[in-house]
């Protein structure tokens, strides 16, 4: 993977609170002037509430597949669906495996000189920079 640059964290533009008052979304815009605003789901017309159910379900299941594809995406969606069916909102699909730059470098160092040359070319072609492999 390309070496991660230290990027300053952007300040949040708003905060959303879904827990303090069940059925109510409390939103505060960080540079707003009104302060925290409350939006009560039950006050919406029936037609809109009926649309929110499938929309929210699609969003929740779609989030489970973010950054995944194929069988892995299907599996992640299935795990979240199973959790929802059991009444567990917080089920998350397991995180995708991470690549350790240290391990890549250690394994690179074990390669023969010819293999290292080939590996460097492949990594460069993919736009991947590993510290110490320049």
N, C-alpha and C. Protein backbone atom coordinates (compact mmCIF):
# COMPACT_ATOMS: atom_id res chain seq x y z
N UNK A 1 0.84 -1.18 0.00
CA UNK A 1 0.00 0.00 0.00
C UNK A 1 0.88 1.23 0.00
N UNK A 2 0.35 2.31 -0.53
CA UNK A 2 1.10 3.56 -0.49
C UNK A 2 1.21 4.00 0.96
N UNK A 3 2.33 4.58 1.28
CA UNK A 3 2.53 5.03 2.65
C UNK A 3 1.52 6.12 2.98
N UNK A 4 0.88 5.97 4.11
CA UNK A 4 -0.14 6.93 4.53
C UNK A 4 0.52 8.22 4.98
N UNK A 5 0.05 9.30 4.44
CA UNK A 5 0.51 10.62 4.87
C UNK A 5 -0.34 11.02 6.06
N UNK A 6 0.26 11.74 6.98
CA UNK A 6 -0.50 12.23 8.12
C UNK A 6 -1.35 13.40 7.65
N UNK A 7 -2.65 13.16 7.53
CA UNK A 7 -3.54 14.22 7.09
C UNK A 7 -4.33 14.72 8.29
N UNK A 8 -4.44 16.03 8.41
CA UNK A 8 -5.21 16.55 9.53
C UNK A 8 -6.67 16.14 9.39
N UNK A 9 -7.28 15.80 10.53
CA UNK A 9 -8.67 15.39 10.53
C UNK A 9 -9.55 16.62 10.30
N UNK A 10 -10.48 16.48 9.36
CA UNK A 10 -11.40 17.58 9.11
C UNK A 10 -12.41 17.66 10.24
N UNK A 11 -12.73 18.87 10.64
CA UNK A 11 -13.74 19.00 11.69
C UNK A 11 -15.11 18.54 11.17
N UNK A 12 -15.90 17.94 12.05
CA UNK A 12 -17.23 17.49 11.66
C UNK A 12 -18.11 18.70 11.38
N UNK A 13 -18.89 18.60 10.31
CA UNK A 13 -19.80 19.69 9.95
C UNK A 13 -21.07 19.66 10.79
N UNK A 14 -21.41 18.45 11.25
CA UNK A 14 -22.59 18.34 12.09
C UNK A 14 -22.51 17.09 12.94
N UNK A 15 -23.30 17.08 14.00
CA UNK A 15 -23.41 15.88 14.83
C UNK A 15 -24.85 15.40 14.78
N UNK A 16 -25.01 14.08 14.80
CA UNK A 16 -26.34 13.47 14.81
C UNK A 16 -26.47 12.60 16.03
N UNK A 17 -27.55 12.76 16.75
CA UNK A 17 -27.82 11.97 17.95
C UNK A 17 -29.12 11.21 17.71
N UNK A 18 -29.01 9.88 17.65
CA UNK A 18 -30.19 9.04 17.44
C UNK A 18 -30.63 8.33 18.72
N UNK A 19 -29.85 8.47 19.78
CA UNK A 19 -30.08 7.67 20.98
C UNK A 19 -30.78 8.40 22.12
N UNK A 20 -30.54 9.68 22.27
CA UNK A 20 -31.06 10.41 23.43
C UNK A 20 -32.58 10.35 23.52
N UNK A 21 -33.25 10.53 22.40
CA UNK A 21 -34.71 10.47 22.36
C UNK A 21 -35.10 9.49 21.26
N UNK A 22 -35.39 8.24 21.61
CA UNK A 22 -35.75 7.25 20.58
C UNK A 22 -36.87 7.77 19.68
N UNK A 23 -36.68 7.57 18.37
CA UNK A 23 -37.66 8.05 17.40
C UNK A 23 -37.41 9.49 16.96
N UNK A 24 -36.38 10.10 17.52
CA UNK A 24 -36.05 11.49 17.20
C UNK A 24 -34.59 11.58 16.79
N UNK A 25 -34.34 12.35 15.74
CA UNK A 25 -32.97 12.62 15.32
C UNK A 25 -32.65 14.05 15.75
N UNK A 26 -31.58 14.19 16.50
CA UNK A 26 -31.15 15.52 16.94
C UNK A 26 -29.89 15.86 16.15
N UNK A 27 -29.95 16.96 15.40
CA UNK A 27 -28.83 17.38 14.56
C UNK A 27 -28.38 18.76 14.97
N UNK A 28 -27.07 18.90 15.12
CA UNK A 28 -26.48 20.20 15.41
C UNK A 28 -25.42 20.49 14.36
N UNK A 29 -25.60 21.58 13.64
CA UNK A 29 -24.62 22.01 12.64
C UNK A 29 -23.54 22.78 13.37
N UNK A 30 -22.27 22.37 13.17
CA UNK A 30 -21.18 22.93 13.98
C UNK A 30 -21.06 24.45 13.86
N UNK A 31 -21.28 25.00 12.68
CA UNK A 31 -21.17 26.45 12.55
C UNK A 31 -22.54 27.10 12.36
N UNK A 32 -23.58 26.37 12.77
CA UNK A 32 -24.94 26.89 12.65
C UNK A 32 -25.25 27.89 13.75
N UNK A 33 -26.44 28.48 13.64
CA UNK A 33 -26.85 29.48 14.63
C UNK A 33 -28.06 29.04 15.45
N UNK A 34 -28.75 27.99 15.01
CA UNK A 34 -29.97 27.56 15.69
C UNK A 34 -29.72 26.60 16.85
N UNK A 35 -28.54 26.01 16.92
CA UNK A 35 -28.29 25.01 17.96
C UNK A 35 -28.86 23.67 17.53
N UNK A 36 -29.01 22.76 18.46
CA UNK A 36 -29.50 21.42 18.16
C UNK A 36 -30.97 21.50 17.73
N UNK A 37 -31.28 20.83 16.63
CA UNK A 37 -32.65 20.78 16.10
C UNK A 37 -33.15 19.34 16.21
N UNK A 38 -34.40 19.18 16.60
CA UNK A 38 -34.99 17.85 16.76
C UNK A 38 -35.95 17.56 15.62
N UNK A 39 -35.83 16.34 15.07
CA UNK A 39 -36.68 15.89 13.97
C UNK A 39 -37.32 14.57 14.40
N UNK A 40 -38.63 14.60 14.64
CA UNK A 40 -39.35 13.45 15.19
C UNK A 40 -39.92 12.62 14.03
N UNK A 41 -39.44 11.38 13.95
CA UNK A 41 -39.84 10.49 12.87
C UNK A 41 -41.36 10.32 12.79
N UNK A 42 -41.99 10.15 13.94
CA UNK A 42 -43.44 9.92 13.99
C UNK A 42 -44.27 11.08 13.49
N UNK A 43 -43.67 12.26 13.33
CA UNK A 43 -44.41 13.42 12.82
C UNK A 43 -44.48 13.44 11.29
N UNK A 44 -43.71 12.58 10.65
CA UNK A 44 -43.73 12.54 9.19
C UNK A 44 -45.03 11.92 8.70
N UNK A 45 -45.50 12.31 7.52
CA UNK A 45 -46.70 11.68 6.96
C UNK A 45 -46.47 10.17 6.74
N UNK A 46 -47.55 9.38 6.83
CA UNK A 46 -47.45 7.92 6.65
C UNK A 46 -46.72 7.55 5.37
N UNK A 47 -47.02 8.23 4.28
CA UNK A 47 -46.41 7.92 2.99
C UNK A 47 -44.88 8.01 3.07
N UNK A 48 -44.37 9.01 3.74
CA UNK A 48 -42.92 9.20 3.86
C UNK A 48 -42.33 8.17 4.82
N UNK A 49 -43.01 7.89 5.93
CA UNK A 49 -42.51 6.87 6.86
C UNK A 49 -42.39 5.51 6.19
N UNK A 50 -43.37 5.16 5.32
CA UNK A 50 -43.33 3.89 4.61
C UNK A 50 -42.15 3.82 3.65
N UNK A 51 -41.75 4.92 3.09
CA UNK A 51 -40.60 4.95 2.19
C UNK A 51 -39.28 4.85 2.95
N UNK A 52 -39.26 5.38 4.17
CA UNK A 52 -38.03 5.37 4.96
C UNK A 52 -37.59 3.96 5.35
N UNK A 53 -38.53 3.07 5.62
CA UNK A 53 -38.16 1.70 6.02
C UNK A 53 -37.27 1.02 4.99
N UNK A 54 -37.76 0.84 3.76
CA UNK A 54 -36.91 0.21 2.74
C UNK A 54 -35.64 1.03 2.43
N UNK A 55 -35.75 2.35 2.46
CA UNK A 55 -34.58 3.19 2.21
C UNK A 55 -33.51 2.95 3.27
N UNK A 56 -33.92 2.97 4.54
CA UNK A 56 -32.97 2.76 5.64
C UNK A 56 -32.38 1.36 5.61
N UNK A 57 -33.21 0.35 5.30
CA UNK A 57 -32.72 -1.02 5.21
C UNK A 57 -31.69 -1.14 4.09
N UNK A 58 -31.99 -0.55 2.96
CA UNK A 58 -31.05 -0.57 1.84
C UNK A 58 -29.73 0.10 2.20
N UNK A 59 -29.83 1.18 2.92
CA UNK A 59 -28.63 1.92 3.33
C UNK A 59 -27.81 1.09 4.32
N UNK A 60 -28.46 0.52 5.31
CA UNK A 60 -27.79 -0.29 6.33
C UNK A 60 -27.10 -1.50 5.69
N UNK A 61 -27.80 -2.21 4.81
CA UNK A 61 -27.23 -3.39 4.16
C UNK A 61 -26.13 -2.98 3.18
N UNK A 62 -26.34 -1.88 2.48
CA UNK A 62 -25.33 -1.39 1.54
C UNK A 62 -24.05 -1.00 2.24
N UNK A 63 -24.17 -0.41 3.42
CA UNK A 63 -22.97 -0.04 4.20
C UNK A 63 -22.14 -1.28 4.54
N UNK A 64 -22.81 -2.40 4.77
CA UNK A 64 -22.10 -3.64 5.11
C UNK A 64 -21.20 -4.08 3.97
N UNK A 65 -21.58 -3.77 2.75
CA UNK A 65 -20.81 -4.21 1.58
C UNK A 65 -19.76 -3.19 1.14
N UNK A 66 -19.70 -2.06 1.80
CA UNK A 66 -18.76 -1.01 1.39
C UNK A 66 -17.33 -1.53 1.39
N UNK A 67 -16.63 -1.30 0.29
CA UNK A 67 -15.24 -1.70 0.17
C UNK A 67 -15.06 -3.18 -0.11
N UNK A 68 -16.13 -3.89 -0.38
CA UNK A 68 -16.06 -5.33 -0.64
C UNK A 68 -16.65 -5.59 -2.02
N UNK A 69 -16.47 -6.81 -2.49
CA UNK A 69 -17.08 -7.19 -3.76
C UNK A 69 -17.40 -8.68 -3.75
N UNK A 70 -18.20 -9.08 -4.70
CA UNK A 70 -18.52 -10.48 -4.90
C UNK A 70 -19.02 -11.20 -3.66
N UNK A 71 -18.48 -12.40 -3.46
CA UNK A 71 -18.89 -13.26 -2.35
C UNK A 71 -18.69 -12.58 -1.00
N UNK A 72 -17.61 -11.81 -0.87
CA UNK A 72 -17.32 -11.12 0.39
C UNK A 72 -18.42 -10.10 0.71
N UNK A 73 -18.87 -9.36 -0.31
CA UNK A 73 -19.94 -8.38 -0.12
C UNK A 73 -21.24 -9.09 0.26
N UNK A 74 -21.55 -10.17 -0.44
CA UNK A 74 -22.77 -10.92 -0.14
C UNK A 74 -22.75 -11.46 1.29
N UNK A 75 -21.62 -11.97 1.70
CA UNK A 75 -21.49 -12.51 3.06
C UNK A 75 -21.69 -11.42 4.11
N UNK A 76 -21.09 -10.25 3.88
CA UNK A 76 -21.21 -9.14 4.82
C UNK A 76 -22.66 -8.68 4.94
N UNK A 77 -23.34 -8.59 3.81
CA UNK A 77 -24.76 -8.19 3.83
C UNK A 77 -25.58 -9.23 4.60
N UNK A 78 -25.31 -10.50 4.35
CA UNK A 78 -26.03 -11.58 5.04
C UNK A 78 -25.84 -11.54 6.54
N UNK A 79 -24.61 -11.25 7.00
CA UNK A 79 -24.34 -11.19 8.44
C UNK A 79 -25.13 -10.05 9.10
N UNK A 80 -25.19 -8.90 8.43
CA UNK A 80 -25.94 -7.78 8.99
C UNK A 80 -27.43 -8.10 8.99
N UNK A 81 -27.93 -8.70 7.92
CA UNK A 81 -29.35 -9.07 7.85
C UNK A 81 -29.70 -10.03 8.98
N UNK A 82 -28.85 -11.05 9.19
CA UNK A 82 -29.10 -12.02 10.26
C UNK A 82 -29.16 -11.32 11.62
N UNK A 83 -28.25 -10.39 11.84
CA UNK A 83 -28.26 -9.64 13.10
C UNK A 83 -29.53 -8.83 13.26
N UNK A 84 -29.96 -8.16 12.20
CA UNK A 84 -31.19 -7.37 12.26
C UNK A 84 -32.39 -8.26 12.56
N UNK A 85 -32.42 -9.44 11.94
CA UNK A 85 -33.54 -10.36 12.17
C UNK A 85 -33.57 -10.86 13.61
N UNK A 86 -32.43 -10.83 14.29
CA UNK A 86 -32.35 -11.23 15.71
C UNK A 86 -32.57 -10.04 16.64
N UNK A 87 -32.80 -8.86 16.06
CA UNK A 87 -33.03 -7.68 16.87
C UNK A 87 -31.76 -6.94 17.25
N UNK A 88 -30.65 -7.27 16.62
CA UNK A 88 -29.36 -6.64 16.92
C UNK A 88 -29.00 -5.62 15.85
N UNK A 89 -29.14 -4.35 16.19
CA UNK A 89 -28.85 -3.27 15.26
C UNK A 89 -27.36 -3.10 14.99
N UNK A 90 -26.54 -3.43 15.98
CA UNK A 90 -25.12 -3.09 15.90
C UNK A 90 -24.24 -4.17 15.25
N UNK A 91 -24.84 -5.21 14.68
CA UNK A 91 -24.02 -6.23 14.01
C UNK A 91 -23.28 -5.58 12.85
N UNK A 92 -22.00 -5.88 12.79
CA UNK A 92 -21.19 -5.37 11.70
C UNK A 92 -20.48 -6.55 11.06
N UNK A 93 -20.30 -6.46 9.77
CA UNK A 93 -19.51 -7.48 9.09
C UNK A 93 -18.07 -7.31 9.55
N UNK A 94 -17.32 -8.40 9.65
CA UNK A 94 -15.92 -8.27 10.07
C UNK A 94 -15.15 -7.36 9.13
N UNK A 95 -14.22 -6.62 9.69
CA UNK A 95 -13.40 -5.71 8.87
C UNK A 95 -12.58 -6.52 7.88
N UNK A 96 -12.35 -5.91 6.74
CA UNK A 96 -11.50 -6.55 5.74
C UNK A 96 -10.09 -6.68 6.31
N UNK A 97 -9.39 -7.74 5.93
CA UNK A 97 -8.03 -7.90 6.45
C UNK A 97 -7.15 -6.71 6.06
N UNK A 98 -6.29 -6.35 6.98
CA UNK A 98 -5.38 -5.23 6.75
C UNK A 98 -4.03 -5.76 6.30
N UNK A 99 -3.33 -4.95 5.53
CA UNK A 99 -2.00 -5.31 5.08
C UNK A 99 -0.99 -4.61 5.96
N UNK A 100 -0.07 -5.39 6.52
CA UNK A 100 0.96 -4.83 7.37
C UNK A 100 2.18 -4.47 6.52
N UNK A 101 2.52 -3.18 6.49
CA UNK A 101 3.68 -2.72 5.74
C UNK A 101 4.94 -3.39 6.29
N UNK A 102 5.01 -3.57 7.59
CA UNK A 102 6.17 -4.21 8.23
C UNK A 102 6.33 -5.64 7.73
N UNK A 103 5.20 -6.37 7.65
CA UNK A 103 5.26 -7.75 7.17
C UNK A 103 5.66 -7.80 5.70
N UNK A 104 5.12 -6.90 4.89
CA UNK A 104 5.46 -6.87 3.47
C UNK A 104 6.96 -6.64 3.32
N UNK A 105 7.49 -5.68 4.07
CA UNK A 105 8.93 -5.37 3.99
C UNK A 105 9.75 -6.57 4.45
N UNK A 106 9.35 -7.22 5.53
CA UNK A 106 10.09 -8.38 6.05
C UNK A 106 10.10 -9.51 5.02
N UNK A 107 8.95 -9.76 4.40
CA UNK A 107 8.87 -10.81 3.38
C UNK A 107 9.64 -10.42 2.13
N UNK A 108 9.63 -9.15 1.78
CA UNK A 108 10.40 -8.65 0.64
C UNK A 108 11.88 -8.92 0.86
N UNK A 109 12.34 -8.66 2.08
CA UNK A 109 13.76 -8.85 2.40
C UNK A 109 14.19 -10.31 2.28
N UNK A 110 13.26 -11.25 2.38
CA UNK A 110 13.57 -12.67 2.27
C UNK A 110 13.69 -13.13 0.81
N UNK A 111 13.26 -12.30 -0.13
CA UNK A 111 13.30 -12.66 -1.55
C UNK A 111 14.72 -12.59 -2.08
N UNK A 112 14.95 -13.34 -3.14
CA UNK A 112 16.24 -13.24 -3.81
C UNK A 112 16.32 -11.86 -4.50
N UNK A 113 17.51 -11.49 -4.91
CA UNK A 113 17.70 -10.18 -5.57
C UNK A 113 16.83 -10.08 -6.82
N UNK A 114 16.76 -11.15 -7.60
CA UNK A 114 15.94 -11.16 -8.83
C UNK A 114 14.45 -11.01 -8.49
N UNK A 115 14.02 -11.73 -7.44
CA UNK A 115 12.61 -11.63 -7.03
C UNK A 115 12.30 -10.24 -6.50
N UNK A 116 13.23 -9.64 -5.76
CA UNK A 116 13.02 -8.28 -5.25
C UNK A 116 12.85 -7.30 -6.40
N UNK A 117 13.66 -7.47 -7.43
CA UNK A 117 13.58 -6.57 -8.59
C UNK A 117 12.20 -6.68 -9.25
N UNK A 118 11.74 -7.92 -9.41
CA UNK A 118 10.41 -8.15 -10.00
C UNK A 118 9.32 -7.56 -9.09
N UNK A 119 9.43 -7.81 -7.79
CA UNK A 119 8.43 -7.31 -6.84
C UNK A 119 8.37 -5.79 -6.86
N UNK A 120 9.54 -5.15 -6.90
CA UNK A 120 9.58 -3.68 -6.96
C UNK A 120 8.83 -3.16 -8.18
N UNK A 121 9.08 -3.78 -9.34
CA UNK A 121 8.42 -3.35 -10.57
C UNK A 121 6.91 -3.51 -10.46
N UNK A 122 6.47 -4.63 -9.92
CA UNK A 122 5.03 -4.86 -9.76
C UNK A 122 4.41 -3.83 -8.82
N UNK A 123 5.06 -3.60 -7.68
CA UNK A 123 4.54 -2.62 -6.72
C UNK A 123 4.51 -1.22 -7.32
N UNK A 124 5.57 -0.85 -8.02
CA UNK A 124 5.61 0.47 -8.68
C UNK A 124 4.48 0.60 -9.68
N UNK A 125 4.23 -0.47 -10.44
CA UNK A 125 3.15 -0.48 -11.42
C UNK A 125 1.79 -0.28 -10.79
N UNK A 126 1.66 -0.72 -9.55
CA UNK A 126 0.41 -0.55 -8.81
C UNK A 126 0.37 0.77 -8.03
N UNK A 127 1.45 1.51 -8.08
CA UNK A 127 1.50 2.79 -7.35
C UNK A 127 1.69 2.62 -5.86
N UNK A 128 2.33 1.51 -5.46
CA UNK A 128 2.51 1.21 -4.04
C UNK A 128 3.95 1.48 -3.64
N UNK A 129 4.13 2.26 -2.59
CA UNK A 129 5.46 2.57 -2.06
C UNK A 129 5.57 1.99 -0.66
N UNK A 130 6.60 1.19 -0.43
CA UNK A 130 6.86 0.63 0.89
C UNK A 130 8.16 1.25 1.40
N UNK A 131 8.15 1.89 2.56
CA UNK A 131 9.38 2.49 3.09
C UNK A 131 10.48 1.43 3.22
N UNK A 132 11.68 1.81 2.77
CA UNK A 132 12.82 0.89 2.85
C UNK A 132 12.96 0.01 1.61
N UNK A 133 12.04 0.14 0.66
CA UNK A 133 12.11 -0.66 -0.57
C UNK A 133 12.36 0.23 -1.78
N UNK A 134 12.79 1.44 -1.56
CA UNK A 134 12.97 2.38 -2.66
C UNK A 134 14.08 1.97 -3.58
